[in-house]
Amino acid sequence: MNLIVVSFEDFTSDPAGARAGALPAAGCPDSWLDALIGAGSVFSRYYAAPGAVSTVGVRFPSVFHAEQFCLSVRQVANLLGTRAHVHKVPSEQAPSTLREAAEHSARFV
């Protein structure tokens, strides 16, 4: 399995960190993220605000699905005014990586 953990950096308190012309965002909206995941399945999800995902863990059936997701989620996050930190994780390290990502995201919320 291909495991990916993504944490979104919250720019709402520092609008200067967001892409020019974008409104700062606390995370990625649930509906947008679900559309990007496609063939993958979510095994963990943390929220920065209602409807705004701060950290998500996703399993993909192939490396090709995982790579496409990584490219797409970075581009969408940039358009939304946040930054996606993408981590490709071996399955035995997923729980500890999720904990660390959630703690890191909590500092931005």
PDB file of N, CA and C in Angstrom:
ATOM      1  N   MET A   1       0.832  -1.194   0.000  1.00  0.00           N
ATOM      2  CA  MET A   1       0.000   0.000   0.000  1.00  0.00           C
ATOM      3  C   MET A   1       0.870   1.250   0.000  1.00  0.00           C
ATOM      4  N   ASN A   2       0.391   2.275  -0.611  1.00  0.00           N
ATOM      5  CA  ASN A   2       1.065   3.563  -0.653  1.00  0.00           C
ATOM      6  C   ASN A   2       0.348   4.509   0.307  1.00  0.00           C
ATOM      7  N   LEU A   3       1.025   4.878   1.393  1.00  0.00           N
ATOM      8  CA  LEU A   3       0.442   5.750   2.400  1.00  0.00           C
ATOM      9  C   LEU A   3       0.997   7.156   2.255  1.00  0.00           C
ATOM     10  N   ILE A   4       0.094   8.120   2.293  1.00  0.00           N
ATOM     11  CA  ILE A   4       0.458   9.526   2.190  1.00  0.00           C
ATOM     12  C   ILE A   4      -0.190  10.251   3.369  1.00  0.00           C
ATOM     13  N   VAL A   5       0.584  11.092   4.049  1.00  0.00           N
ATOM     14  CA  VAL A   5       0.052  11.956   5.098  1.00  0.00           C
ATOM     15  C   VAL A   5       0.259  13.391   4.636  1.00  0.00           C
ATOM     16  N   VAL A   6      -0.814  14.171   4.644  1.00  0.00           N
ATOM     17  CA  VAL A   6      -0.754  15.566   4.218  1.00  0.00           C
ATOM     18  C   VAL A   6      -1.220  16.445   5.364  1.00  0.00           C
ATOM     19  N   SER A   7      -0.419  17.442   5.702  1.00  0.00           N
ATOM     20  CA  SER A   7      -0.858  18.450   6.670  1.00  0.00           C
ATOM     21  C   SER A   7      -0.885  19.792   5.964  1.00  0.00           C
ATOM     22  N   PHE A   8      -1.939  20.549   6.234  1.00  0.00           N
ATOM     23  CA  PHE A   8      -2.125  21.852   5.604  1.00  0.00           C
ATOM     24  C   PHE A   8      -1.747  22.936   6.596  1.00  0.00           C
ATOM     25  N   GLU A   9      -0.917  23.857   6.153  1.00  0.00           N
ATOM     26  CA  GLU A   9      -0.467  24.942   7.009  1.00  0.00           C
ATOM     27  C   GLU A   9      -1.525  26.043   7.027  1.00  0.00           C
ATOM     28  N   ASP A  10      -1.896  26.471   8.219  1.00  0.00           N
ATOM     29  CA  ASP A  10      -2.936  27.477   8.401  1.00  0.00           C
ATOM     30  C   ASP A  10      -2.339  28.874   8.239  1.00  0.00           C
ATOM     31  N   PHE A  11      -2.803  29.611   7.229  1.00  0.00           N
ATOM     32  CA  PHE A  11      -2.330  30.972   6.988  1.00  0.00           C
ATOM     33  C   PHE A  11      -3.323  32.037   7.453  1.00  0.00           C
ATOM     34  N   THR A  12      -4.405  31.648   8.106  1.00  0.00           N
ATOM     35  CA  THR A  12      -5.432  32.631   8.455  1.00  0.00           C
ATOM     36  C   THR A  12      -4.903  33.705   9.398  1.00  0.00           C
ATOM     37  N   SER A  13      -3.937  33.377  10.258  1.00  0.00           N
ATOM     38  CA  SER A  13      -3.404  34.387  11.174  1.00  0.00           C
ATOM     39  C   SER A  13      -2.272  35.194  10.535  1.00  0.00           C
ATOM     40  N   ASP A  14      -1.724  34.717   9.420  1.00  0.00           N
ATOM     41  CA  ASP A  14      -0.652  35.428   8.724  1.00  0.00           C
ATOM     42  C   ASP A  14      -0.949  35.466   7.234  1.00  0.00           C
ATOM     43  N   PRO A  15      -1.795  36.388   6.790  1.00  0.00           N
ATOM     44  CA  PRO A  15      -2.182  36.444   5.374  1.00  0.00           C
ATOM     45  C   PRO A  15      -1.015  36.648   4.423  1.00  0.00           C
ATOM     46  N   ALA A  16       0.109  37.171   4.905  1.00  0.00           N
ATOM     47  CA  ALA A  16       1.261  37.397   4.028  1.00  0.00           C
ATOM     48  C   ALA A  16       1.854  36.084   3.532  1.00  0.00           C
ATOM     49  N   GLY A  17       1.579  34.973   4.217  1.00  0.00           N
ATOM     50  CA  GLY A  17       2.118  33.680   3.806  1.00  0.00           C
ATOM     51  C   GLY A  17       1.364  33.031   2.664  1.00  0.00           C
ATOM     52  N   ALA A  18       0.147  33.508   2.383  1.00  0.00           N
ATOM     53  CA  ALA A  18      -0.677  32.920   1.323  1.00  0.00           C
ATOM     54  C   ALA A  18      -0.208  33.393  -0.049  1.00  0.00           C
ATOM     55  N   ARG A  19      -0.561  32.632  -1.065  1.00  0.00           N
ATOM     56  CA  ARG A  19      -0.237  32.983  -2.453  1.00  0.00           C
ATOM     57  C   ARG A  19      -0.900  34.314  -2.800  1.00  0.00           C
ATOM     58  N   ALA A  20      -0.242  35.115  -3.593  1.00  0.00           N
ATOM     59  CA  ALA A  20      -0.778  36.414  -3.987  1.00  0.00           C
ATOM     60  C   ALA A  20      -2.151  36.246  -4.635  1.00  0.00           C
ATOM     61  N   GLY A  21      -3.102  37.009  -4.187  1.00  0.00           N
ATOM     62  CA  GLY A  21      -4.444  36.970  -4.753  1.00  0.00           C
ATOM     63  C   GLY A  21      -5.363  35.932  -4.130  1.00  0.00           C
ATOM     64  N   ALA A  22      -4.820  35.017  -3.309  1.00  0.00           N
ATOM     65  CA  ALA A  22      -5.646  33.984  -2.677  1.00  0.00           C
ATOM     66  C   ALA A  22      -6.040  34.438  -1.273  1.00  0.00           C
ATOM     67  N   LEU A  23      -7.224  34.059  -0.845  1.00  0.00           N
ATOM     68  CA  LEU A  23      -7.623  34.315   0.527  1.00  0.00           C
ATOM     69  C   LEU A  23      -6.969  33.267   1.412  1.00  0.00           C
ATOM     70  N   PRO A  24      -6.409  33.645   2.560  1.00  0.00           N
ATOM     71  CA  PRO A  24      -5.777  32.664   3.440  1.00  0.00           C
ATOM     72  C   PRO A  24      -6.785  31.616   3.916  1.00  0.00           C
ATOM     73  N   ALA A  25      -6.355  30.372   3.985  1.00  0.00           N
ATOM     74  CA  ALA A  25      -7.245  29.273   4.382  1.00  0.00           C
ATOM     75  C   ALA A  25      -6.654  28.497   5.553  1.00  0.00           C
ATOM     76  N   ALA A  26      -7.533  27.964   6.391  1.00  0.00           N
ATOM     77  CA  ALA A  26      -7.105  27.159   7.540  1.00  0.00           C
ATOM     78  C   ALA A  26      -6.743  25.742   7.124  1.00  0.00           C
ATOM     79  N   GLY A  27      -7.227  25.287   6.012  1.00  0.00           N
ATOM     80  CA  GLY A  27      -6.973  23.931   5.544  1.00  0.00           C
ATOM     81  C   GLY A  27      -7.664  23.706   4.223  1.00  0.00           C
ATOM     82  N   CYS A  28      -7.844  22.445   3.877  1.00  0.00           N
ATOM     83  CA  CYS A  28      -8.492  22.095   2.618  1.00  0.00           C
ATOM     84  C   CYS A  28      -9.936  21.679   2.899  1.00  0.00           C
ATOM     85  N   PRO A  29     -10.898  22.215   2.165  1.00  0.00           N
ATOM     86  CA  PRO A  29     -12.296  21.811   2.372  1.00  0.00           C
ATOM     87  C   PRO A  29     -12.487  20.306   2.137  1.00  0.00           C
ATOM     88  N   ASP A  30     -13.330  19.705   2.963  1.00  0.00           N
ATOM     89  CA  ASP A  30     -13.630  18.273   2.854  1.00  0.00           C
ATOM     90  C   ASP A  30     -13.989  17.853   1.434  1.00  0.00           C
ATOM     91  N   SER A  31     -14.878  18.592   0.809  1.00  0.00           N
ATOM     92  CA  SER A  31     -15.370  18.199  -0.515  1.00  0.00           C
ATOM     93  C   SER A  31     -14.247  18.228  -1.562  1.00  0.00           C
ATOM     94  N   TRP A  32     -13.362  19.205  -1.492  1.00  0.00           N
ATOM     95  CA  TRP A  32     -12.249  19.290  -2.443  1.00  0.00           C
ATOM     96  C   TRP A  32     -11.293  18.126  -2.222  1.00  0.00           C
ATOM     97  N   LEU A  33     -11.001  17.850  -0.959  1.00  0.00           N
ATOM     98  CA  LEU A  33     -10.068  16.767  -0.640  1.00  0.00           C
ATOM     99  C   LEU A  33     -10.629  15.420  -1.075  1.00  0.00           C
ATOM    100  N   ASP A  34     -11.914  15.194  -0.833  1.00  0.00           N
ATOM    101  CA  ASP A  34     -12.539  13.936  -1.250  1.00  0.00           C
ATOM    102  C   ASP A  34     -12.461  13.751  -2.766  1.00  0.00           C
ATOM    103  N   ALA A  35     -12.621  14.838  -3.508  1.00  0.00           N
ATOM    104  CA  ALA A  35     -12.520  14.758  -4.966  1.00  0.00           C
ATOM    105  C   ALA A  35     -11.093  14.414  -5.400  1.00  0.00           C
ATOM    106  N   LEU A  36     -10.096  14.930  -4.689  1.00  0.00           N
ATOM    107  CA  LEU A  36      -8.699  14.644  -5.030  1.00  0.00           C
ATOM    108  C   LEU A  36      -8.302  13.207  -4.690  1.00  0.00           C
ATOM    109  N   ILE A  37      -8.860  12.666  -3.637  1.00  0.00           N
ATOM    110  CA  ILE A  37      -8.478  11.323  -3.180  1.00  0.00           C
ATOM    111  C   ILE A  37      -8.874  10.256  -4.183  1.00  0.00           C
ATOM    112  N   GLY A  38     -10.020  10.395  -4.802  1.00  0.00           N
ATOM    113  CA  GLY A  38     -10.431   9.465  -5.856  1.00  0.00           C
ATOM    114  C   GLY A  38     -10.415   8.016  -5.418  1.00  0.00           C
ATOM    115  N   ALA A  39      -9.476   7.210  -5.949  1.00  0.00           N
ATOM    116  CA  ALA A  39      -9.411   5.769  -5.686  1.00  0.00           C
ATOM    117  C   ALA A  39      -8.809   5.440  -4.316  1.00  0.00           C
ATOM    118  N   GLY A  40      -8.322   6.444  -3.613  1.00  0.00           N
ATOM    119  CA  GLY A  40      -7.713   6.217  -2.302  1.00  0.00           C
ATOM    120  C   GLY A  40      -8.759   6.094  -1.210  1.00  0.00           C
ATOM    121  N   SER A  41      -8.293   5.737  -0.015  1.00  0.00           N
ATOM    122  CA  SER A  41      -9.186   5.655   1.137  1.00  0.00           C
ATOM    123  C   SER A  41      -8.526   6.345   2.325  1.00  0.00           C
ATOM    124  N   VAL A  42      -9.308   7.155   3.022  1.00  0.00           N
ATOM    125  CA  VAL A  42      -8.819   7.923   4.164  1.00  0.00           C
ATOM    126  C   VAL A  42      -8.768   7.016   5.384  1.00  0.00           C
ATOM    127  N   PHE A  43      -7.635   7.026   6.105  1.00  0.00           N
ATOM    128  CA  PHE A  43      -7.571   6.263   7.348  1.00  0.00           C
ATOM    129  C   PHE A  43      -7.469   7.174   8.562  1.00  0.00           C
ATOM    130  N   SER A  44      -7.301   8.472   8.364  1.00  0.00           N
ATOM    131  CA  SER A  44      -7.269   9.419   9.471  1.00  0.00           C
ATOM    132  C   SER A  44      -7.530  10.821   8.936  1.00  0.00           C
ATOM    133  N   ARG A  45      -8.266  11.616   9.728  1.00  0.00           N
ATOM    134  CA  ARG A  45      -8.586  12.989   9.293  1.00  0.00           C
ATOM    135  C   ARG A  45      -8.712  13.875  10.534  1.00  0.00           C
ATOM    136  N   TYR A  46      -7.985  14.995  10.539  1.00  0.00           N
ATOM    137  CA  TYR A  46      -8.056  15.980  11.615  1.00  0.00           C
ATOM    138  C   TYR A  46      -8.515  17.301  11.009  1.00  0.00           C
ATOM    139  N   TYR A  47      -9.210  18.115  11.812  1.00  0.00           N
ATOM    140  CA  TYR A  47      -9.790  19.356  11.301  1.00  0.00           C
ATOM    141  C   TYR A  47      -9.187  20.583  11.984  1.00  0.00           C
ATOM    142  N   ALA A  48      -8.946  21.640  11.191  1.00  0.00           N
ATOM    143  CA  ALA A  48      -8.494  22.927  11.710  1.00  0.00           C
ATOM    144  C   ALA A  48      -9.698  23.777  12.088  1.00  0.00           C
ATOM    145  N   ALA A  49     -10.769  23.617  11.352  1.00  0.00           N
ATOM    146  CA  ALA A  49     -12.026  24.341  11.564  1.00  0.00           C
ATOM    147  C   ALA A  49     -13.126  23.466  10.973  1.00  0.00           C
ATOM    148  N   PRO A  50     -14.381  23.737  11.279  1.00  0.00           N
ATOM    149  CA  PRO A  50     -15.451  22.920  10.690  1.00  0.00           C
ATOM    150  C   PRO A  50     -15.376  22.920   9.153  1.00  0.00           C
ATOM    151  N   GLY A  51     -15.254  21.730   8.598  1.00  0.00           N
ATOM    152  CA  GLY A  51     -15.195  21.578   7.148  1.00  0.00           C
ATOM    153  C   GLY A  51     -13.826  21.817   6.528  1.00  0.00           C
ATOM    154  N   ALA A  52     -12.813  22.193   7.336  1.00  0.00           N
ATOM    155  CA  ALA A  52     -11.461  22.456   6.821  1.00  0.00           C
ATOM    156  C   ALA A  52     -10.486  21.437   7.409  1.00  0.00           C
ATOM    157  N   VAL A  53     -10.006  20.535   6.582  1.00  0.00           N
ATOM    158  CA  VAL A  53      -9.106  19.471   7.021  1.00  0.00           C
ATOM    159  C   VAL A  53      -7.700  20.029   7.236  1.00  0.00           C
ATOM    160  N   SER A  54      -7.107  19.740   8.418  1.00  0.00           N
ATOM    161  CA  SER A  54      -5.741  20.192   8.690  1.00  0.00           C
ATOM    162  C   SER A  54      -4.726  19.090   8.397  1.00  0.00           C
ATOM    163  N   THR A  55      -5.093  17.840   8.659  1.00  0.00           N
ATOM    164  CA  THR A  55      -4.200  16.706   8.417  1.00  0.00           C
ATOM    165  C   THR A  55      -5.026  15.507   7.969  1.00  0.00           C
ATOM    166  N   VAL A  56      -4.537  14.800   6.967  1.00  0.00           N
ATOM    167  CA  VAL A  56      -5.246  13.627   6.464  1.00  0.00           C
ATOM    168  C   VAL A  56      -4.233  12.532   6.136  1.00  0.00           C
ATOM    169  N   GLY A  57      -4.614  11.302   6.439  1.00  0.00           N
ATOM    170  CA  GLY A  57      -3.824  10.132   6.063  1.00  0.00           C
ATOM    171  C   GLY A  57      -4.604   9.334   5.032  1.00  0.00           C
ATOM    172  N   VAL A  58      -3.952   8.988   3.914  1.00  0.00           N
ATOM    173  CA  VAL A  58      -4.648   8.336   2.804  1.00  0.00           C
ATOM    174  C   VAL A  58      -3.860   7.128   2.311  1.00  0.00           C
ATOM    175  N   ARG A  59      -4.577   6.040   1.989  1.00  0.00           N
ATOM    176  CA  ARG A  59      -4.000   4.848   1.351  1.00  0.00           C
ATOM    177  C   ARG A  59      -4.371   4.863  -0.123  1.00  0.00           C
ATOM    178  N   PHE A  60      -3.422   4.497  -0.970  1.00  0.00           N
ATOM    179  CA  PHE A  60      -3.693   4.423  -2.407  1.00  0.00           C
ATOM    180  C   PHE A  60      -3.360   3.031  -2.921  1.00  0.00           C
ATOM    181  N   PRO A  61      -4.114   2.555  -3.927  1.00  0.00           N
ATOM    182  CA  PRO A  61      -3.896   1.206  -4.453  1.00  0.00           C
ATOM    183  C   PRO A  61      -2.619   1.067  -5.276  1.00  0.00           C
ATOM    184  N   SER A  62      -2.079   2.174  -5.769  1.00  0.00           N
ATOM    185  CA  SER A  62      -0.843   2.077  -6.556  1.00  0.00           C
ATOM    186  C   SER A  62      -0.003   3.331  -6.375  1.00  0.00           C
ATOM    187  N   VAL A  63       1.251   3.220  -6.732  1.00  0.00           N
ATOM    188  CA  VAL A  63       2.158   4.358  -6.651  1.00  0.00           C
ATOM    189  C   VAL A  63       1.731   5.460  -7.617  1.00  0.00           C
ATOM    190  N   PHE A  64       1.120   5.094  -8.726  1.00  0.00           N
ATOM    191  CA  PHE A  64       0.658   6.077  -9.700  1.00  0.00           C
ATOM    192  C   PHE A  64      -0.475   6.938  -9.131  1.00  0.00           C
ATOM    193  N   HIS A  65      -1.422   6.301  -8.417  1.00  0.00           N
ATOM    194  CA  HIS A  65      -2.496   7.051  -7.767  1.00  0.00           C
ATOM    195  C   HIS A  65      -1.911   7.999  -6.719  1.00  0.00           C
ATOM    196  N   ALA A  66      -0.964   7.498  -5.946  1.00  0.00           N
ATOM    197  CA  ALA A  66      -0.349   8.304  -4.888  1.00  0.00           C
ATOM    198  C   ALA A  66       0.401   9.503  -5.463  1.00  0.00           C
ATOM    199  N   GLU A  67       1.161   9.298  -6.516  1.00  0.00           N
ATOM    200  CA  GLU A  67       1.920  10.388  -7.138  1.00  0.00           C
ATOM    201  C   GLU A  67       0.993  11.456  -7.713  1.00  0.00           C
ATOM    202  N   GLN A  68      -0.075  11.031  -8.358  1.00  0.00           N
ATOM    203  CA  GLN A  68      -1.030  11.996  -8.921  1.00  0.00           C
ATOM    204  C   GLN A  68      -1.684  12.810  -7.814  1.00  0.00           C
ATOM    205  N   PHE A  69      -2.030  12.147  -6.715  1.00  0.00           N
ATOM    206  CA  PHE A  69      -2.619  12.847  -5.577  1.00  0.00           C
ATOM    207  C   PHE A  69      -1.652  13.885  -5.023  1.00  0.00           C
ATOM    208  N   CYS A  70      -0.389  13.510  -4.869  1.00  0.00           N
ATOM    209  CA  CYS A  70       0.619  14.431  -4.316  1.00  0.00           C
ATOM    210  C   CYS A  70       0.748  15.692  -5.171  1.00  0.00           C
ATOM    211  N   LEU A  71       0.812  15.518  -6.466  1.00  0.00           N
ATOM    212  CA  LEU A  71       0.909  16.669  -7.375  1.00  0.00           C
ATOM    213  C   LEU A  71      -0.336  17.547  -7.277  1.00  0.00           C
ATOM    214  N   SER A  72      -1.490  16.912  -7.309  1.00  0.00           N
ATOM    215  CA  SER A  72      -2.752  17.652  -7.318  1.00  0.00           C
ATOM    216  C   SER A  72      -3.015  18.378  -6.006  1.00  0.00           C
ATOM    217  N   VAL A  73      -2.749  17.731  -4.882  1.00  0.00           N
ATOM    218  CA  VAL A  73      -3.061  18.346  -3.593  1.00  0.00           C
ATOM    219  C   VAL A  73      -2.183  19.577  -3.346  1.00  0.00           C
ATOM    220  N   ARG A  74      -0.953  19.554  -3.813  1.00  0.00           N
ATOM    221  CA  ARG A  74      -0.092  20.738  -3.675  1.00  0.00           C
ATOM    222  C   ARG A  74      -0.631  21.907  -4.503  1.00  0.00           C
ATOM    223  N   GLN A  75      -1.059  21.619  -5.715  1.00  0.00           N
ATOM    224  CA  GLN A  75      -1.585  22.679  -6.585  1.00  0.00           C
ATOM    225  C   GLN A  75      -2.892  23.255  -6.044  1.00  0.00           C
ATOM    226  N   VAL A  76      -3.782  22.397  -5.589  1.00  0.00           N
ATOM    227  CA  VAL A  76      -5.063  22.856  -5.048  1.00  0.00           C
ATOM    228  C   VAL A  76      -4.837  23.659  -3.765  1.00  0.00           C
ATOM    229  N   ALA A  77      -3.958  23.201  -2.895  1.00  0.00           N
ATOM    230  CA  ALA A  77      -3.670  23.937  -1.664  1.00  0.00           C
ATOM    231  C   ALA A  77      -3.148  25.333  -1.978  1.00  0.00           C
ATOM    232  N   ASN A  78      -2.281  25.427  -2.962  1.00  0.00           N
ATOM    233  CA  ASN A  78      -1.743  26.722  -3.363  1.00  0.00           C
ATOM    234  C   ASN A  78      -2.869  27.655  -3.828  1.00  0.00           C
ATOM    235  N   LEU A  79      -3.808  27.131  -4.595  1.00  0.00           N
ATOM    236  CA  LEU A  79      -4.933  27.936  -5.063  1.00  0.00           C
ATOM    237  C   LEU A  79      -5.846  28.372  -3.915  1.00  0.00           C
ATOM    238  N   LEU A  80      -5.930  27.534  -2.875  1.00  0.00           N
ATOM    239  CA  LEU A  80      -6.796  27.835  -1.735  1.00  0.00           C
ATOM    240  C   LEU A  80      -6.163  28.792  -0.737  1.00  0.00           C
ATOM    241  N   GLY A  81      -4.884  29.088  -0.883  1.00  0.00           N
ATOM    242  CA  GLY A  81      -4.221  29.994   0.051  1.00  0.00           C
ATOM    243  C   GLY A  81      -3.638  29.296   1.265  1.00  0.00           C
ATOM    244  N   THR A  82      -3.282  28.033   1.127  1.00  0.00           N
ATOM    245  CA  THR A  82      -2.625  27.293   2.202  1.00  0.00           C
ATOM    246  C   THR A  82      -1.446  26.539   1.595  1.00  0.00           C
ATOM    247  N   ARG A  83      -0.698  25.840   2.404  1.00  0.00           N
ATOM    248  CA  ARG A  83       0.438  25.067   1.908  1.00  0.00           C
ATOM    249  C   ARG A  83       0.267  23.616   2.361  1.00  0.00           C
ATOM    250  N   ALA A  84       0.436  22.684   1.438  1.00  0.00           N
ATOM    251  CA  ALA A  84       0.322  21.255   1.748  1.00  0.00           C
ATOM    252  C   ALA A  84       1.711  20.677   1.996  1.00  0.00           C
ATOM    253  N   HIS A  85       1.885  20.080   3.161  1.00  0.00           N
ATOM    254  CA  HIS A  85       3.120  19.361   3.482  1.00  0.00           C
ATOM    255  C   HIS A  85       2.819  17.879   3.267  1.00  0.00           C
ATOM    256  N   VAL A  86       3.423  17.277   2.241  1.00  0.00           N
ATOM    257  CA  VAL A  86       3.116  15.905   1.843  1.00  0.00           C
ATOM    258  C   VAL A  86       4.236  14.980   2.323  1.00  0.00           C
ATOM    259  N   HIS A  87       3.835  13.884   2.985  1.00  0.00           N
ATOM    260  CA  HIS A  87       4.787  12.903   3.496  1.00  0.00           C
ATOM    261  C   HIS A  87       4.405  11.525   2.985  1.00  0.00           C
ATOM    262  N   LYS A  88       5.325  10.865   2.275  1.00  0.00           N
ATOM    263  CA  LYS A  88       5.117   9.474   1.861  1.00  0.00           C
ATOM    264  C   LYS A  88       5.663   8.624   2.998  1.00  0.00           C
ATOM    265  N   VAL A  89       4.820   7.720   3.495  1.00  0.00           N
ATOM    266  CA  VAL A  89       5.129   7.042   4.744  1.00  0.00           C
ATOM    267  C   VAL A  89       5.058   5.525   4.604  1.00  0.00           C
ATOM    268  N   PRO A  90       6.086   4.801   5.106  1.00  0.00           N
ATOM    269  CA  PRO A  90       5.953   3.337   5.193  1.00  0.00           C
ATOM    270  C   PRO A  90       4.832   2.998   6.186  1.00  0.00           C
ATOM    271  N   SER A  91       4.098   1.938   5.949  1.00  0.00           N
ATOM    272  CA  SER A  91       2.915   1.618   6.749  1.00  0.00           C
ATOM    273  C   SER A  91       3.207   1.506   8.241  1.00  0.00           C
ATOM    274  N   GLU A  92       4.372   1.009   8.639  1.00  0.00           N
ATOM    275  CA  GLU A  92       4.665   0.865  10.066  1.00  0.00           C
ATOM    276  C   GLU A  92       4.922   2.213  10.750  1.00  0.00           C
ATOM    277  N   GLN A  93       5.187   3.268   9.975  1.00  0.00           N
ATOM    278  CA  GLN A  93       5.448   4.588  10.548  1.00  0.00           C
ATOM    279  C   GLN A  93       4.241   5.521  10.483  1.00  0.00           C
ATOM    280  N   ALA A  94       3.144   5.086   9.914  1.00  0.00           N
ATOM    281  CA  ALA A  94       1.973   5.954   9.732  1.00  0.00           C
ATOM    282  C   ALA A  94       1.441   6.527  11.044  1.00  0.00           C
ATOM    283  N   PRO A  95       1.244   5.721  12.112  1.00  0.00           N
ATOM    284  CA  PRO A  95       0.695   6.298  13.349  1.00  0.00           C
ATOM    285  C   PRO A  95       1.568   7.413  13.926  1.00  0.00           C
ATOM    286  N   SER A  96       2.877   7.214  13.977  1.00  0.00           N
ATOM    287  CA  SER A  96       3.744   8.246  14.553  1.00  0.00           C
ATOM    288  C   SER A  96       3.809   9.486  13.657  1.00  0.00           C
ATOM    289  N   THR A  97       3.790   9.300  12.345  1.00  0.00           N
ATOM    290  CA  THR A  97       3.809  10.446  11.430  1.00  0.00           C
ATOM    291  C   THR A  97       2.530  11.261  11.556  1.00  0.00           C
ATOM    292  N   LEU A  98       1.387  10.588  11.690  1.00  0.00           N
ATOM    293  CA  LEU A  98       0.117  11.287  11.879  1.00  0.00           C
ATOM    294  C   LEU A  98       0.122  12.090  13.172  1.00  0.00           C
ATOM    295  N   ARG A  99       0.651  11.504  14.250  1.00  0.00           N
ATOM    296  CA  ARG A  99       0.725  12.222  15.525  1.00  0.00           C
ATOM    297  C   ARG A  99       1.566  13.486  15.381  1.00  0.00           C
ATOM    298  N   GLU A 100       2.731  13.344  14.762  1.00  0.00           N
ATOM    299  CA  GLU A 100       3.620  14.494  14.578  1.00  0.00           C
ATOM    300  C   GLU A 100       2.988  15.552  13.689  1.00  0.00           C
ATOM    301  N   ALA A 101       2.339  15.139  12.614  1.00  0.00           N
ATOM    302  CA  ALA A 101       1.686  16.092  11.706  1.00  0.00           C
ATOM    303  C   ALA A 101       0.559  16.816  12.412  1.00  0.00           C
ATOM    304  N   ALA A 102      -0.220  16.099  13.218  1.00  0.00           N
ATOM    305  CA  ALA A 102      -1.332  16.729  13.944  1.00  0.00           C
ATOM    306  C   ALA A 102      -0.799  17.732  14.963  1.00  0.00           C
ATOM    307  N   GLU A 103       0.299  17.407  15.639  1.00  0.00           N
ATOM    308  CA  GLU A 103       0.897  18.344  16.602  1.00  0.00           C
ATOM    309  C   GLU A 103       1.433  19.568  15.876  1.00  0.00           C
ATOM    310  N   HIS A 104       2.067  19.361  14.718  1.00  0.00           N
ATOM    311  CA  HIS A 104       2.610  20.472  13.923  1.00  0.00           C
ATOM    312  C   HIS A 104       1.485  21.381  13.444  1.00  0.00           C
ATOM    313  N   SER A 105       0.400  20.799  12.971  1.00  0.00           N
ATOM    314  CA  SER A 105      -0.737  21.587  12.496  1.00  0.00           C
ATOM    315  C   SER A 105      -1.403  22.338  13.628  1.00  0.00           C
ATOM    316  N   ALA A 106      -1.407  21.743  14.811  1.00  0.00           N
ATOM    317  CA  ALA A 106      -2.063  22.388  15.939  1.00  0.00           C
ATOM    318  C   ALA A 106      -1.399  23.723  16.287  1.00  0.00           C
ATOM    319  N   ARG A 107      -0.124  23.869  15.979  1.00  0.00           N
ATOM    320  CA  ARG A 107       0.546  25.132  16.258  1.00  0.00           C
ATOM    321  C   ARG A 107       0.060  26.247  15.348  1.00  0.00           C
ATOM    322  N   PHE A 108      -0.489  25.911  14.190  1.00  0.00           N
ATOM    323  CA  PHE A 108      -0.929  26.923  13.231  1.00  0.00           C
ATOM    324  C   PHE A 108      -2.388  27.293  13.423  1.00  0.00           C
ATOM    325  N   VAL A 109      -3.138  26.472  14.169  1.00  0.00           N
ATOM    326  CA  VAL A 109      -4.585  26.702  14.292  1.00  0.00           C
ATOM    327  C   VAL A 109      -4.868  27.692  15.392  1.00  0.00           C
TER     328      VAL A 109
END
